[in-house]
N, C-alpha and C. Protein backbone atom coordinates (compact mmCIF):
# COMPACT_ATOMS: atom_id res chain seq x y z
N MET A 1 112.69 92.56 101.68
CA MET A 1 111.26 92.78 101.80
C MET A 1 110.50 92.05 100.71
N THR A 2 111.09 91.89 99.54
CA THR A 2 110.38 91.31 98.40
C THR A 2 110.80 89.90 98.06
N GLY A 3 111.94 89.48 98.56
CA GLY A 3 112.44 88.14 98.26
C GLY A 3 113.20 88.02 96.95
N TYR A 4 113.43 89.13 96.28
CA TYR A 4 114.19 89.08 95.03
C TYR A 4 115.66 88.78 95.32
N SER A 5 116.25 87.96 94.49
CA SER A 5 117.70 87.80 94.50
C SER A 5 118.29 89.00 93.77
N GLN A 6 119.60 89.14 93.84
CA GLN A 6 120.24 90.24 93.10
C GLN A 6 119.93 90.13 91.61
N ALA A 7 120.01 88.90 91.07
CA ALA A 7 119.74 88.69 89.64
C ALA A 7 118.27 88.99 89.31
N GLY A 8 117.36 88.58 90.18
CA GLY A 8 115.94 88.85 89.95
C GLY A 8 115.62 90.32 90.00
N LEU A 9 116.25 91.02 90.93
CA LEU A 9 116.07 92.46 91.03
C LEU A 9 116.62 93.15 89.78
N GLN A 10 117.77 92.70 89.32
CA GLN A 10 118.36 93.28 88.11
C GLN A 10 117.47 93.07 86.89
N ARG A 11 116.83 91.89 86.80
CA ARG A 11 115.90 91.63 85.68
C ARG A 11 114.75 92.63 85.70
N GLN A 12 114.21 92.91 86.89
CA GLN A 12 113.11 93.88 86.99
C GLN A 12 113.58 95.26 86.54
N ILE A 13 114.78 95.63 86.94
CA ILE A 13 115.33 96.93 86.54
C ILE A 13 115.54 96.98 85.03
N ASP A 14 116.14 95.92 84.48
CA ASP A 14 116.42 95.88 83.04
C ASP A 14 115.14 95.93 82.22
N ARG A 15 114.08 95.31 82.72
CA ARG A 15 112.80 95.32 82.00
C ARG A 15 112.04 96.64 82.18
N GLY A 16 112.47 97.44 83.12
CA GLY A 16 111.78 98.70 83.37
C GLY A 16 110.41 98.48 83.98
N SER A 17 110.30 97.47 84.83
CA SER A 17 109.01 97.12 85.44
C SER A 17 108.45 98.28 86.25
N ASP A 18 107.13 98.42 86.21
CA ASP A 18 106.48 99.40 87.07
C ASP A 18 106.30 98.78 88.45
N PHE A 19 105.86 99.58 89.43
CA PHE A 19 105.72 99.07 90.79
C PHE A 19 104.70 97.95 90.89
N GLU A 20 103.63 98.05 90.13
CA GLU A 20 102.60 97.01 90.18
C GLU A 20 103.19 95.66 89.78
N THR A 21 103.94 95.64 88.69
CA THR A 21 104.58 94.41 88.22
C THR A 21 105.66 93.96 89.20
N PHE A 22 106.46 94.90 89.67
CA PHE A 22 107.53 94.59 90.60
C PHE A 22 107.00 93.84 91.82
N PHE A 23 105.94 94.35 92.42
CA PHE A 23 105.39 93.70 93.62
C PHE A 23 104.59 92.45 93.28
N ALA A 24 103.89 92.45 92.15
CA ALA A 24 103.11 91.27 91.76
C ALA A 24 104.01 90.07 91.49
N GLU A 25 105.19 90.31 90.97
CA GLU A 25 106.11 89.23 90.64
C GLU A 25 107.13 88.95 91.74
N ALA A 26 107.01 89.64 92.86
CA ALA A 26 107.95 89.44 93.97
C ALA A 26 107.86 87.99 94.46
N PRO A 27 109.02 87.35 94.61
CA PRO A 27 109.02 85.94 95.04
C PRO A 27 108.30 85.72 96.37
N SER A 28 108.54 86.58 97.35
CA SER A 28 107.85 86.43 98.64
C SER A 28 107.98 87.72 99.44
N ILE A 29 106.85 88.36 99.64
CA ILE A 29 106.84 89.57 100.47
C ILE A 29 107.05 89.13 101.92
N ASN A 30 107.99 89.78 102.59
CA ASN A 30 108.28 89.43 103.97
C ASN A 30 107.02 89.62 104.82
N PRO A 31 106.64 88.60 105.60
CA PRO A 31 105.42 88.72 106.41
C PRO A 31 105.51 89.78 107.49
N HIS A 32 106.71 90.23 107.83
CA HIS A 32 106.88 91.26 108.85
C HIS A 32 106.81 92.68 108.29
N THR A 33 106.58 92.79 107.00
CA THR A 33 106.51 94.11 106.37
C THR A 33 105.45 94.99 107.04
N SER A 34 104.35 94.40 107.43
CA SER A 34 103.28 95.19 108.05
C SER A 34 103.68 95.75 109.41
N LEU A 35 104.81 95.33 109.96
CA LEU A 35 105.29 95.87 111.22
C LEU A 35 106.02 97.19 111.05
N ILE A 36 106.28 97.58 109.79
CA ILE A 36 106.92 98.87 109.53
C ILE A 36 105.91 99.96 109.82
N LYS A 37 106.28 100.87 110.69
CA LYS A 37 105.39 101.97 111.10
C LYS A 37 106.10 103.28 110.87
N GLY A 38 105.33 104.34 110.74
CA GLY A 38 105.92 105.66 110.63
C GLY A 38 105.29 106.49 109.54
N VAL A 39 105.91 107.64 109.29
CA VAL A 39 105.38 108.62 108.37
C VAL A 39 106.31 108.76 107.17
N VAL A 40 105.72 108.73 105.98
CA VAL A 40 106.43 108.99 104.74
C VAL A 40 105.60 110.01 103.98
N CYS A 41 106.23 111.10 103.60
CA CYS A 41 105.55 112.19 102.87
C CYS A 41 104.31 112.67 103.63
N GLY A 42 104.40 112.71 104.95
CA GLY A 42 103.31 113.22 105.77
C GLY A 42 102.15 112.26 105.98
N VAL A 43 102.31 111.01 105.55
CA VAL A 43 101.23 110.02 105.68
C VAL A 43 101.74 108.82 106.46
N ARG A 44 100.98 108.35 107.42
CA ARG A 44 101.35 107.15 108.17
C ARG A 44 101.24 105.94 107.25
N VAL A 45 102.32 105.16 107.14
CA VAL A 45 102.32 104.03 106.21
C VAL A 45 101.29 102.98 106.59
N GLU A 46 101.07 102.80 107.89
CA GLU A 46 100.10 101.80 108.32
C GLU A 46 98.65 102.21 108.06
N ALA A 47 98.42 103.48 107.73
CA ALA A 47 97.06 103.96 107.48
C ALA A 47 96.70 104.00 105.99
N ILE A 48 97.63 103.69 105.12
CA ILE A 48 97.39 103.74 103.68
C ILE A 48 96.48 102.58 103.29
N GLU A 49 95.41 102.87 102.60
CA GLU A 49 94.41 101.85 102.27
C GLU A 49 94.71 101.10 100.98
N ASP A 50 95.28 101.75 99.99
CA ASP A 50 95.57 101.10 98.72
C ASP A 50 96.74 100.14 98.92
N PRO A 51 96.55 98.82 98.69
CA PRO A 51 97.60 97.84 98.96
C PRO A 51 98.90 98.10 98.19
N LEU A 52 98.81 98.49 96.94
CA LEU A 52 100.02 98.75 96.16
C LEU A 52 100.75 99.97 96.71
N MET A 53 100.03 101.05 96.96
CA MET A 53 100.67 102.26 97.50
C MET A 53 101.27 101.98 98.87
N GLN A 54 100.62 101.15 99.65
CA GLN A 54 101.17 100.82 100.97
C GLN A 54 102.49 100.06 100.83
N LYS A 55 102.58 99.11 99.91
CA LYS A 55 103.83 98.38 99.69
C LYS A 55 104.93 99.33 99.21
N ILE A 56 104.58 100.27 98.34
CA ILE A 56 105.55 101.25 97.86
C ILE A 56 106.07 102.09 99.03
N ARG A 57 105.18 102.54 99.87
CA ARG A 57 105.58 103.38 101.01
C ARG A 57 106.32 102.58 102.07
N TYR A 58 105.96 101.29 102.27
CA TYR A 58 106.74 100.43 103.17
C TYR A 58 108.18 100.37 102.68
N LEU A 59 108.36 100.14 101.39
CA LEU A 59 109.70 100.06 100.81
C LEU A 59 110.43 101.40 100.98
N ASP A 60 109.74 102.49 100.73
CA ASP A 60 110.30 103.82 100.89
C ASP A 60 110.75 104.05 102.33
N LYS A 61 109.91 103.70 103.27
CA LYS A 61 110.22 103.88 104.69
C LYS A 61 111.39 102.99 105.09
N LEU A 62 111.39 101.75 104.62
CA LEU A 62 112.48 100.82 104.93
C LEU A 62 113.82 101.38 104.44
N ILE A 63 113.85 101.85 103.22
CA ILE A 63 115.08 102.41 102.66
C ILE A 63 115.52 103.65 103.44
N ASP A 64 114.59 104.53 103.76
CA ASP A 64 114.92 105.73 104.53
C ASP A 64 115.55 105.37 105.88
N GLU A 65 114.93 104.43 106.57
CA GLU A 65 115.42 104.06 107.90
C GLU A 65 116.78 103.35 107.82
N LEU A 66 116.95 102.47 106.85
CA LEU A 66 118.24 101.80 106.69
C LEU A 66 119.33 102.80 106.34
N ALA A 67 119.00 103.79 105.52
CA ALA A 67 119.96 104.82 105.14
C ALA A 67 120.38 105.66 106.35
N LYS A 68 119.51 105.77 107.33
CA LYS A 68 119.84 106.50 108.56
C LYS A 68 120.66 105.64 109.52
N GLY A 69 120.86 104.37 109.16
CA GLY A 69 121.67 103.50 110.00
C GLY A 69 120.89 102.71 111.03
N ARG A 70 119.57 102.77 110.96
CA ARG A 70 118.76 102.01 111.93
C ARG A 70 118.81 100.53 111.59
N PRO A 71 118.94 99.68 112.58
CA PRO A 71 118.94 98.24 112.34
C PRO A 71 117.56 97.74 111.92
N LEU A 72 117.53 96.74 111.07
CA LEU A 72 116.28 96.18 110.55
C LEU A 72 115.36 95.74 111.69
N GLU A 73 115.91 95.21 112.77
CA GLU A 73 115.10 94.74 113.90
C GLU A 73 114.29 95.88 114.51
N LYS A 74 114.88 97.07 114.56
CA LYS A 74 114.16 98.23 115.11
C LYS A 74 113.08 98.71 114.15
N ILE A 75 113.39 98.70 112.86
CA ILE A 75 112.41 99.15 111.86
C ILE A 75 111.18 98.24 111.88
N LEU A 76 111.42 96.94 111.98
CA LEU A 76 110.31 95.97 111.99
C LEU A 76 109.75 95.75 113.38
N ARG A 77 110.31 96.46 114.35
CA ARG A 77 109.84 96.39 115.73
C ARG A 77 109.81 94.97 116.26
N SER A 78 110.86 94.22 115.94
CA SER A 78 110.92 92.83 116.42
C SER A 78 111.88 92.70 117.58
């Protein structure tokens, strides 16, 4: 979703980056991220207005769905 390599992701973890920095420095946000739909913590991710919070919830939803075994194609509705 963010375009980080394993090494780039590890650098963010080692630096203790906050979400704002993590997403601001992301190499390339996947253009299909906006296709992620659904509810996280009782809120529809596509209805979240704050861009940073929406990216956080997209990531949260993506992880939840992958953990349930859903294929990425279904999550992104492609």
